[in-house]
Amino acid sequence: MPDHKPQTAEQIRRSRNRVLALSLAAFVVLIFFVSIAKMS
């Protein structure tokens, strides 16, 4: 088993926040394009 340093809580929190923000932005963009497609 490789002996690597465990991530700190701060790093885990930061990466989770980044994933959450990216998925939220992707969701907003998806809704935007769907509404544009419905209007046209």
Protein backbone atom coordinates (compact mmCIF):
# COMPACT_ATOMS: atom_id res chain seq x y z
CA MET A 1 0.00 0.00 0.00
CA PRO A 2 1.46 3.40 -0.91
CA ASP A 3 2.22 5.59 2.06
CA HIS A 4 1.04 9.02 0.95
CA LYS A 5 0.05 11.96 3.13
CA PRO A 6 -3.68 12.20 3.81
CA GLN A 7 -5.36 15.31 2.54
CA THR A 8 -6.10 17.97 5.10
CA ALA A 9 -9.69 18.93 5.81
CA GLU A 10 -9.03 22.30 4.16
CA GLN A 11 -7.93 20.68 0.89
CA ILE A 12 -10.92 18.34 0.91
CA ARG A 13 -13.29 21.23 1.60
CA ARG A 14 -11.72 23.33 -1.17
CA SER A 15 -11.95 20.57 -3.77
CA ARG A 16 -15.54 19.80 -2.78
CA ASN A 17 -16.45 23.48 -3.09
CA ARG A 18 -14.82 23.63 -6.53
CA VAL A 19 -16.76 20.58 -7.74
CA LEU A 20 -19.99 22.02 -6.33
CA ALA A 21 -19.42 25.40 -8.01
CA LEU A 22 -18.58 23.80 -11.36
CA SER A 23 -21.64 21.57 -11.33
CA LEU A 24 -23.85 24.49 -10.33
CA ALA A 25 -22.44 26.59 -13.19
CA ALA A 26 -22.95 23.71 -15.64
CA PHE A 27 -26.56 23.38 -14.46
CA VAL A 28 -27.19 27.12 -14.95
CA VAL A 29 -25.69 27.00 -18.46
CA LEU A 30 -27.83 23.97 -19.29
CA ILE A 31 -31.02 25.72 -18.12
CA PHE A 32 -30.00 28.82 -20.09
CA PHE A 33 -29.58 26.89 -23.35
CA VAL A 34 -32.80 24.93 -22.82
CA SER A 35 -34.78 28.14 -22.31
CA ILE A 36 -33.16 29.72 -25.40
CA ALA A 37 -34.10 26.62 -27.43
CA LYS A 38 -37.69 26.76 -26.18
CA MET A 39 -38.06 30.46 -27.04
CA SER A 40 -36.83 30.03 -30.63
